[in-house]
Amino acid sequence: MRLIGFDPGLRNTGWGVIAVEGNRLKHLGDGVVHTDAKLSLAERLVQLQVGLVDVLTRFHPDEAAVEETFVNTNAVSTLKLGQARGIALLVPASQGIPVSEYTPNLVKKTVVGSGHAAKEQIQMMVRTLLPGCEIKSADAADALAIAICHAHHRDSRARVAEMVVVR
């Protein structure tokens, strides 16, 4: 099973792909899709879409996970992040890939054990959980952490969904 995680951002959207084989995780790839700040918002969203389609075409993931938006004090920044998140949700869904969403605190708690972990702690744990992984950036590390979080929670979600259907 191949899982991809996305850490959405208008300037930089991190992505990370892992393979899940039983209880083992294996790093398959990671990186960042960058956009050109000189372009219009619409053109930057197209850059994200094209970049993410390219990643999905190269890695053929079975499922995707996207970090949920946190609301910060700057409403304009939050809105732009939400639009980038929309692209990260749309691209895999439009290819028939199931998409799950996770809060930043759940990702940190799953990977590090603390919902308020620092970026350095996340990167260290990602390297520990994915031996031999050479993380390209903090955004890519966050995306790998999102994929790891999904690997740990996807079975639980499936069981809960089955229980709801059975009732």
C-alpha atoms as a PDB file:
ATOM      1  CA  MET A   1       0.000   0.000   0.000  1.00  0.00           C
ATOM      2  CA  ARG A   2       1.392   3.387  -1.041  1.00  0.00           C
ATOM      3  CA  LEU A   3       0.364   6.464   0.912  1.00  0.00           C
ATOM      4  CA  ILE A   4       1.059  10.104   0.112  1.00  0.00           C
ATOM      5  CA  GLY A   5       0.936  12.960   2.569  1.00  0.00           C
ATOM      6  CA  PHE A   6       0.526  16.627   1.648  1.00  0.00           C
ATOM      7  CA  ASP A   7       1.521  19.629   3.745  1.00  0.00           C
ATOM      8  CA  PRO A   8      -0.300  22.350   1.806  1.00  0.00           C
ATOM      9  CA  GLY A   9       0.946  25.895   1.364  1.00  0.00           C
ATOM     10  CA  LEU A  10       0.603  28.465  -1.381  1.00  0.00           C
ATOM     11  CA  ARG A  11       4.372  29.049  -1.645  1.00  0.00           C
ATOM     12  CA  ASN A  12       5.488  25.503  -0.845  1.00  0.00           C
ATOM     13  CA  THR A  13       3.403  22.347  -0.710  1.00  0.00           C
ATOM     14  CA  GLY A  14       5.337  19.473   0.778  1.00  0.00           C
ATOM     15  CA  TRP A  15       4.686  15.902  -0.308  1.00  0.00           C
ATOM     16  CA  GLY A  16       5.915  12.582   0.998  1.00  0.00           C
ATOM     17  CA  VAL A  17       5.280   9.035  -0.194  1.00  0.00           C
ATOM     18  CA  ILE A  18       5.649   5.919   1.926  1.00  0.00           C
ATOM     19  CA  ALA A  19       4.942   2.228   1.467  1.00  0.00           C
ATOM     20  CA  VAL A  20       3.178   0.283   4.185  1.00  0.00           C
ATOM     21  CA  GLU A  21       3.986  -3.420   4.331  1.00  0.00           C
ATOM     22  CA  GLY A  22       2.342  -4.937   7.412  1.00  0.00           C
ATOM     23  CA  ASN A  23       3.658  -2.846  10.284  1.00  0.00           C
ATOM     24  CA  ARG A  24       6.706  -1.654   8.339  1.00  0.00           C
ATOM     25  CA  LEU A  25       7.031   1.747   6.747  1.00  0.00           C
ATOM     26  CA  LYS A  26       9.357   2.487   3.856  1.00  0.00           C
ATOM     27  CA  HIS A  27      10.298   5.871   2.399  1.00  0.00           C
ATOM     28  CA  LEU A  28       9.636   6.107  -1.337  1.00  0.00           C
ATOM     29  CA  GLY A  29      10.052   9.819  -2.030  1.00  0.00           C
ATOM     30  CA  ASP A  30       9.498  13.353  -0.845  1.00  0.00           C
ATOM     31  CA  GLY A  31       9.790  16.895  -2.061  1.00  0.00           C
ATOM     32  CA  VAL A  32       8.121  20.249  -2.439  1.00  0.00           C
ATOM     33  CA  VAL A  33       6.016  21.847  -5.158  1.00  0.00           C
ATOM     34  CA  HIS A  34       6.979  25.530  -5.312  1.00  0.00           C
ATOM     35  CA  THR A  35       4.969  28.362  -6.806  1.00  0.00           C
ATOM     36  CA  ASP A  36       6.159  31.659  -8.257  1.00  0.00           C
ATOM     37  CA  ALA A  37       5.141  34.553  -5.967  1.00  0.00           C
ATOM     38  CA  LYS A  38       5.178  36.934  -8.975  1.00  0.00           C
ATOM     39  CA  LEU A  39       2.214  35.130 -10.555  1.00  0.00           C
ATOM     40  CA  SER A  40      -1.465  35.694  -9.830  1.00  0.00           C
ATOM     41  CA  LEU A  41      -3.222  33.529  -7.265  1.00  0.00           C
ATOM     42  CA  ALA A  42      -5.007  31.587 -10.009  1.00  0.00           C
ATOM     43  CA  GLU A  43      -1.724  30.893 -11.832  1.00  0.00           C
ATOM     44  CA  ARG A  44      -0.071  29.753  -8.598  1.00  0.00           C
ATOM     45  CA  LEU A  45      -2.944  27.362  -7.892  1.00  0.00           C
ATOM     46  CA  VAL A  46      -2.473  25.934 -11.397  1.00  0.00           C
ATOM     47  CA  GLN A  47       1.241  25.469 -10.639  1.00  0.00           C
ATOM     48  CA  LEU A  48       0.291  23.508  -7.521  1.00  0.00           C
ATOM     49  CA  GLN A  49      -2.206  21.410  -9.437  1.00  0.00           C
ATOM     50  CA  VAL A  50       0.273  20.561 -12.195  1.00  0.00           C
ATOM     51  CA  GLY A  51       3.017  19.745  -9.674  1.00  0.00           C
ATOM     52  CA  LEU A  52       0.794  17.493  -7.582  1.00  0.00           C
ATOM     53  CA  VAL A  53      -0.545  15.674 -10.648  1.00  0.00           C
ATOM     54  CA  ASP A  54       3.083  15.022 -11.632  1.00  0.00           C
ATOM     55  CA  VAL A  55       3.868  13.543  -8.200  1.00  0.00           C
ATOM     56  CA  LEU A  56       0.782  11.303  -8.296  1.00  0.00           C
ATOM     57  CA  THR A  57       1.695  10.159 -11.807  1.00  0.00           C
ATOM     58  CA  ARG A  58       5.212   9.218 -10.683  1.00  0.00           C
ATOM     59  CA  PHE A  59       4.276   7.389  -7.466  1.00  0.00           C
ATOM     60  CA  HIS A  60       0.730   6.027  -8.009  1.00  0.00           C
ATOM     61  CA  PRO A  61      -0.383   6.198  -4.348  1.00  0.00           C
ATOM     62  CA  ASP A  62      -3.370   4.179  -3.154  1.00  0.00           C
ATOM     63  CA  GLU A  63      -4.482   6.755  -0.582  1.00  0.00           C
ATOM     64  CA  ALA A  64      -3.722  10.372   0.301  1.00  0.00           C
ATOM     65  CA  ALA A  65      -3.696  12.401   3.515  1.00  0.00           C
ATOM     66  CA  VAL A  66      -3.794  16.184   3.845  1.00  0.00           C
ATOM     67  CA  GLU A  67      -3.133  18.330   6.880  1.00  0.00           C
ATOM     68  CA  GLU A  68      -6.133  20.359   8.003  1.00  0.00           C
ATOM     69  CA  THR A  69      -5.883  24.141   8.061  1.00  0.00           C
ATOM     70  CA  PHE A  70      -5.089  25.849  11.308  1.00  0.00           C
ATOM     71  CA  VAL A  71      -6.539  29.329  11.667  1.00  0.00           C
ATOM     72  CA  ASN A  72      -3.931  31.973  12.330  1.00  0.00           C
ATOM     73  CA  THR A  73      -4.272  35.663  13.098  1.00  0.00           C
ATOM     74  CA  ASN A  74      -3.864  36.753   9.473  1.00  0.00           C
ATOM     75  CA  ALA A  75      -7.159  36.052   7.715  1.00  0.00           C
ATOM     76  CA  VAL A  76      -5.672  36.591   4.235  1.00  0.00           C
ATOM     77  CA  SER A  77      -2.929  34.018   4.880  1.00  0.00           C
ATOM     78  CA  THR A  78      -5.470  31.544   6.222  1.00  0.00           C
ATOM     79  CA  LEU A  79      -7.639  32.013   3.136  1.00  0.00           C
ATOM     80  CA  LYS A  80      -4.690  31.448   0.771  1.00  0.00           C
ATOM     81  CA  LEU A  81      -3.674  28.351   2.726  1.00  0.00           C
ATOM     82  CA  GLY A  82      -7.243  27.089   2.424  1.00  0.00           C
ATOM     83  CA  GLN A  83      -7.148  27.534  -1.334  1.00  0.00           C
ATOM     84  CA  ALA A  84      -3.871  25.605  -1.578  1.00  0.00           C
ATOM     85  CA  ARG A  85      -5.435  22.918   0.640  1.00  0.00           C
ATOM     86  CA  GLY A  86      -8.338  22.728  -1.777  1.00  0.00           C
ATOM     87  CA  ILE A  87      -5.929  21.863  -4.584  1.00  0.00           C
ATOM     88  CA  ALA A  88      -4.225  19.230  -2.377  1.00  0.00           C
ATOM     89  CA  LEU A  89      -7.651  17.668  -1.694  1.00  0.00           C
ATOM     90  CA  LEU A  90      -8.932  17.973  -5.261  1.00  0.00           C
ATOM     91  CA  VAL A  91      -5.984  16.515  -7.183  1.00  0.00           C
ATOM     92  CA  PRO A  92      -5.964  13.020  -5.616  1.00  0.00           C
ATOM     93  CA  ALA A  93      -9.768  12.914  -5.292  1.00  0.00           C
ATOM     94  CA  SER A  94     -10.148  13.713  -9.000  1.00  0.00           C
ATOM     95  CA  GLN A  95      -8.009  10.645  -9.737  1.00  0.00           C
ATOM     96  CA  GLY A  96     -10.182   8.401  -7.569  1.00  0.00           C
ATOM     97  CA  ILE A  97      -7.688   8.295  -4.697  1.00  0.00           C
ATOM     98  CA  PRO A  98      -9.333   8.318  -1.236  1.00  0.00           C
ATOM     99  CA  VAL A  99      -8.286  11.373   0.802  1.00  0.00           C
ATOM    100  CA  SER A 100      -8.174  11.666   4.603  1.00  0.00           C
ATOM    101  CA  GLU A 101      -7.541  14.773   6.681  1.00  0.00           C
ATOM    102  CA  TYR A 102      -5.633  15.143   9.956  1.00  0.00           C
ATOM    103  CA  THR A 103      -5.156  18.037  12.348  1.00  0.00           C
ATOM    104  CA  PRO A 104      -1.608  19.272  12.924  1.00  0.00           C
ATOM    105  CA  ASN A 105      -1.813  18.252  16.600  1.00  0.00           C
ATOM    106  CA  LEU A 106      -2.881  14.681  15.759  1.00  0.00           C
ATOM    107  CA  VAL A 107      -0.016  14.363  13.259  1.00  0.00           C
ATOM    108  CA  LYS A 108       2.500  15.556  15.870  1.00  0.00           C
ATOM    109  CA  LYS A 109       1.022  13.375  18.599  1.00  0.00           C
ATOM    110  CA  THR A 110       1.069  10.306  16.347  1.00  0.00           C
ATOM    111  CA  VAL A 111       4.628  10.780  15.104  1.00  0.00           C
ATOM    112  CA  VAL A 112       6.349  12.361  18.127  1.00  0.00           C
ATOM    113  CA  GLY A 113       4.031  11.614  21.041  1.00  0.00           C
ATOM    114  CA  SER A 114       3.302  15.260  21.782  1.00  0.00           C
ATOM    115  CA  GLY A 115       0.716  17.436  20.046  1.00  0.00           C
ATOM    116  CA  HIS A 116       2.929  20.494  20.411  1.00  0.00           C
ATOM    117  CA  ALA A 117       6.198  19.069  19.087  1.00  0.00           C
ATOM    118  CA  ALA A 118       8.733  21.313  17.360  1.00  0.00           C
ATOM    119  CA  LYS A 119       9.642  20.910  13.690  1.00  0.00           C
ATOM    120  CA  GLU A 120      13.061  19.515  14.666  1.00  0.00           C
ATOM    121  CA  GLN A 121      11.391  16.774  16.728  1.00  0.00           C
ATOM    122  CA  ILE A 122       9.142  15.848  13.808  1.00  0.00           C
ATOM    123  CA  GLN A 123      12.108  15.638  11.437  1.00  0.00           C
ATOM    124  CA  MET A 124      14.068  13.475  13.883  1.00  0.00           C
ATOM    125  CA  MET A 125      11.163  11.039  14.338  1.00  0.00           C
ATOM    126  CA  VAL A 126      10.486  10.871  10.586  1.00  0.00           C
ATOM    127  CA  ARG A 127      14.140   9.918  10.049  1.00  0.00           C
ATOM    128  CA  THR A 128      13.844   7.318  12.838  1.00  0.00           C
ATOM    129  CA  LEU A 129      10.629   5.800  11.467  1.00  0.00           C
ATOM    130  CA  LEU A 130      11.896   5.855   7.864  1.00  0.00           C
ATOM    131  CA  PRO A 131      15.542   4.705   8.055  1.00  0.00           C
ATOM    132  CA  GLY A 132      17.752   6.016   5.271  1.00  0.00           C
ATOM    133  CA  CYS A 133      15.364   8.868   4.496  1.00  0.00           C
ATOM    134  CA  GLU A 134      17.141  12.046   3.383  1.00  0.00           C
ATOM    135  CA  ILE A 135      14.493  14.705   3.969  1.00  0.00           C
ATOM    136  CA  LYS A 136      14.676  17.524   1.447  1.00  0.00           C
ATOM    137  CA  SER A 137      12.941  20.246   3.523  1.00  0.00           C
ATOM    138  CA  ALA A 138      10.787  20.923   6.578  1.00  0.00           C
ATOM    139  CA  ASP A 139       7.694  20.921   4.330  1.00  0.00           C
ATOM    140  CA  ALA A 140       8.605  17.478   2.969  1.00  0.00           C
ATOM    141  CA  ALA A 141       9.243  16.201   6.525  1.00  0.00           C
ATOM    142  CA  ASP A 142       5.800  17.434   7.570  1.00  0.00           C
ATOM    143  CA  ALA A 143       4.250  15.706   4.545  1.00  0.00           C
ATOM    144  CA  LEU A 144       5.984  12.444   5.448  1.00  0.00           C
ATOM    145  CA  ALA A 145       4.705  12.840   9.025  1.00  0.00           C
ATOM    146  CA  ILE A 146       1.164  13.240   7.640  1.00  0.00           C
ATOM    147  CA  ALA A 147       1.590  10.042   5.599  1.00  0.00           C
ATOM    148  CA  ILE A 148       2.915   8.224   8.693  1.00  0.00           C
ATOM    149  CA  CYS A 149      -0.051   9.497  10.712  1.00  0.00           C
ATOM    150  CA  HIS A 150      -2.404   8.169   8.049  1.00  0.00           C
ATOM    151  CA  ALA A 151      -0.633   4.800   8.069  1.00  0.00           C
ATOM    152  CA  HIS A 152      -1.277   4.539  11.812  1.00  0.00           C
ATOM    153  CA  HIS A 153      -4.900   5.712  11.742  1.00  0.00           C
ATOM    154  CA  ARG A 154      -6.310   4.361   8.464  1.00  0.00           C
ATOM    155  CA  ASP A 155      -7.168   0.893   9.789  1.00  0.00           C
ATOM    156  CA  SER A 156      -8.988   2.357  12.795  1.00  0.00           C
ATOM    157  CA  ARG A 157     -11.031   4.606  10.521  1.00  0.00           C
ATOM    158  CA  ALA A 158     -11.932   1.640   8.301  1.00  0.00           C
ATOM    159  CA  ARG A 159     -13.064  -0.427  11.308  1.00  0.00           C
ATOM    160  CA  VAL A 160     -15.219   2.426  12.626  1.00  0.00           C
ATOM    161  CA  ALA A 161     -16.772   2.894   9.170  1.00  0.00           C
ATOM    162  CA  GLU A 162     -17.553  -0.838   8.996  1.00  0.00           C
ATOM    163  CA  MET A 163     -19.187  -0.734  12.426  1.00  0.00           C
ATOM    164  CA  VAL A 164     -21.389   2.179  11.398  1.00  0.00           C
ATOM    165  CA  VAL A 165     -22.504   0.345   8.228  1.00  0.00           C
ATOM    166  CA  VAL A 166     -23.267  -2.876  10.123  1.00  0.00           C
ATOM    167  CA  ARG A 167     -25.567  -1.115  12.592  1.00  0.00           C
END
